[in-house]
């Protein structure tokens, strides 16, 4: 996977995850999305990239001396397919909890509705599974992911 990884602090890392939107056989749009990994006592992810990003995220976690079983929380900043695409796979693999704003519920928990209401070319190449939100976030809410974070 192309892109870059950036260590913002010892505990906060940013992954740039590249993906392609295929408009037709001859036209593609190259894009990227960021995933933030917070390495505390447990691991918190902010956004998960597209449906094929979970293995890259897991690999990065292992390269940093941690285990994917330590992923406790995924915070979804919003419901677009490039931000939620690997959430279902990460939750299935790690048993983590998913946090998101309640106004994003219908599009995160039912991607069929999202695809119908906001069609993106080849939507299901970006996100192919819905995921249940475990905890709803409120506007302005402070989230403590770990001590002093």
Protein backbone atom coordinates (compact mmCIF):
# COMPACT_ATOMS: atom_id res chain seq x y z
CA UNK A 1 0.00 0.00 0.00
CA UNK A 2 1.27 3.42 -0.83
CA UNK A 3 0.91 6.38 1.43
CA UNK A 4 2.88 7.30 4.49
CA UNK A 5 2.97 6.79 8.20
CA UNK A 6 3.73 9.68 10.49
CA UNK A 7 4.52 9.49 14.18
CA UNK A 8 2.94 12.65 15.58
CA UNK A 9 3.91 11.81 19.17
CA UNK A 10 5.13 8.62 20.82
CA UNK A 11 1.52 7.62 21.33
CA UNK A 12 -0.27 9.17 18.34
CA UNK A 13 0.44 7.96 14.80
CA UNK A 14 -1.20 8.94 11.51
CA UNK A 15 -1.54 6.53 8.60
CA UNK A 16 -2.28 7.88 5.14
CA UNK A 17 -4.29 5.18 3.36
CA UNK A 18 -4.51 5.42 -0.42
CA UNK A 19 -7.51 4.17 -2.38
CA UNK A 20 -9.01 4.43 -5.85
CA UNK A 21 -12.54 5.24 -6.97
CA UNK A 22 -13.15 3.51 -10.28
CA UNK A 23 -15.54 5.61 -12.32
CA UNK A 24 -15.34 3.40 -15.40
CA UNK A 25 -12.76 1.27 -17.20
CA UNK A 26 -10.78 4.30 -18.31
CA UNK A 27 -11.25 6.79 -15.49
CA UNK A 28 -10.10 6.46 -11.91
CA UNK A 29 -9.81 8.95 -9.09
CA UNK A 30 -6.87 8.47 -6.73
CA UNK A 31 -7.72 9.47 -3.16
CA UNK A 32 -6.49 8.97 0.38
CA UNK A 33 -7.91 8.96 3.88
CA UNK A 34 -6.21 9.25 7.25
CA UNK A 35 -6.42 6.80 10.13
CA UNK A 36 -5.12 7.85 13.52
CA UNK A 37 -3.80 5.23 15.92
CA UNK A 38 -3.52 6.11 19.61
CA UNK A 39 -1.16 3.76 21.43
CA UNK A 40 -2.13 3.96 25.09
CA UNK A 41 -2.57 1.11 27.55
CA UNK A 42 -5.10 -0.01 24.97
CA UNK A 43 -5.28 1.05 21.32
CA UNK A 44 -7.82 3.50 19.90
CA UNK A 45 -8.34 4.04 16.17
CA UNK A 46 -9.92 7.11 14.65
CA UNK A 47 -11.42 6.08 11.30
CA UNK A 48 -10.59 2.84 9.52
CA UNK A 49 -10.11 3.63 5.83
CA UNK A 50 -11.69 1.54 3.09
CA UNK A 51 -12.70 -2.11 3.30
CA UNK A 52 -9.23 -3.40 2.47
CA UNK A 53 -7.31 -1.35 5.03
CA UNK A 54 -7.69 -3.52 8.14
CA UNK A 55 -4.71 -5.75 7.35
CA UNK A 56 -2.48 -2.72 6.76
CA UNK A 57 -3.61 -1.17 10.05
CA UNK A 58 -3.05 -4.47 11.88
CA UNK A 59 0.40 -4.82 10.32
CA UNK A 60 1.34 -1.31 11.44
CA UNK A 61 0.20 -2.07 14.99
CA UNK A 62 2.34 -5.23 15.05
CA UNK A 63 5.36 -3.36 13.60
CA UNK A 64 5.10 -1.06 16.59
CA UNK A 65 5.36 -3.93 19.05
CA UNK A 66 1.69 -4.14 19.91
CA UNK A 67 -0.98 -6.77 19.34
CA UNK A 68 -4.25 -6.26 17.49
CA UNK A 69 -6.12 -7.72 20.48
CA UNK A 70 -5.28 -4.42 22.22
CA UNK A 71 -7.58 -2.48 19.87
CA UNK A 72 -10.32 -1.48 22.30
CA UNK A 73 -12.07 1.41 20.57
CA UNK A 74 -12.75 2.69 17.06
CA UNK A 75 -14.05 6.24 16.76
CA UNK A 76 -15.73 6.95 13.42
CA UNK A 77 -15.52 10.68 12.69
CA UNK A 78 -18.31 10.43 10.12
CA UNK A 79 -20.09 7.89 7.93
CA UNK A 80 -18.38 8.24 4.53
CA UNK A 81 -17.31 4.87 3.10
CA UNK A 82 -13.60 5.73 3.11
CA UNK A 83 -13.78 6.31 6.88
CA UNK A 84 -15.93 3.31 7.87
CA UNK A 85 -14.86 0.73 5.27
CA UNK A 86 -12.78 -1.50 7.58
CA UNK A 87 -14.75 -0.89 10.79
CA UNK A 88 -16.81 -4.09 10.58
CA UNK A 89 -13.74 -6.25 9.93
CA UNK A 90 -11.76 -4.59 12.74
CA UNK A 91 -14.67 -5.05 15.16
CA UNK A 92 -15.11 -8.69 14.11
CA UNK A 93 -11.39 -9.43 14.54
CA UNK A 94 -10.71 -7.51 17.77
CA UNK A 95 -14.07 -7.28 19.52
CA UNK A 96 -13.56 -3.52 19.91
CA UNK A 97 -16.35 -1.06 20.53
CA UNK A 98 -17.45 1.43 17.87
CA UNK A 99 -18.13 5.06 18.77
CA UNK A 100 -19.82 7.60 16.47
CA UNK A 101 -22.26 10.49 16.56
CA UNK A 102 -25.91 9.40 16.59
CA UNK A 103 -26.64 11.47 13.46
CA UNK A 104 -24.34 9.10 11.55
CA UNK A 105 -26.18 5.97 12.74
CA UNK A 106 -28.33 5.19 9.70
CA UNK A 107 -25.43 5.39 7.21
CA UNK A 108 -22.98 3.45 9.41
CA UNK A 109 -25.38 0.74 10.53
CA UNK A 110 -26.97 0.32 7.09
CA UNK A 111 -24.61 1.06 4.22
CA UNK A 112 -27.34 0.06 1.76
CA UNK A 113 -29.23 3.20 2.81
CA UNK A 114 -26.09 5.31 2.49
CA UNK A 115 -25.42 4.01 -1.00
CA UNK A 116 -29.01 4.77 -2.01
CA UNK A 117 -29.12 8.26 -0.46
CA UNK A 118 -25.57 9.31 -1.38
CA UNK A 119 -24.38 7.24 -4.31
CA UNK A 120 -20.62 7.03 -4.74
CA UNK A 121 -19.28 5.22 -7.81
CA UNK A 122 -18.46 1.62 -6.86
CA UNK A 123 -19.48 2.31 -3.27
CA UNK A 124 -19.16 -1.33 -2.23
CA UNK A 125 -15.50 -1.37 -3.31
CA UNK A 126 -14.93 1.08 -0.45
CA UNK A 127 -17.26 -0.31 2.21
CA UNK A 128 -19.01 -3.64 1.97
CA UNK A 129 -20.29 -4.23 5.51
CA UNK A 130 -22.35 -2.23 7.96
CA UNK A 131 -21.23 -2.05 11.58
CA UNK A 132 -23.25 -1.48 14.77
CA UNK A 133 -22.38 1.59 16.84
CA UNK A 134 -21.88 0.62 20.48
CA UNK A 135 -21.70 4.10 22.02
CA UNK A 136 -23.03 7.38 20.67
CA UNK A 137 -20.96 10.54 20.91
CA UNK A 138 -22.33 14.03 21.49
CA UNK A 139 -21.22 17.34 20.03
CA UNK A 140 -18.41 18.83 22.10
CA UNK A 141 -17.90 15.65 24.11
CA UNK A 142 -14.38 15.06 25.41
CA UNK A 143 -13.15 11.51 24.90
CA UNK A 144 -10.41 10.13 27.12
CA UNK A 145 -8.76 7.30 25.25
CA UNK A 146 -6.14 6.68 27.91
CA UNK A 147 -4.41 8.41 30.81
CA UNK A 148 -3.45 11.97 29.78
CA UNK A 149 -4.78 11.45 26.24
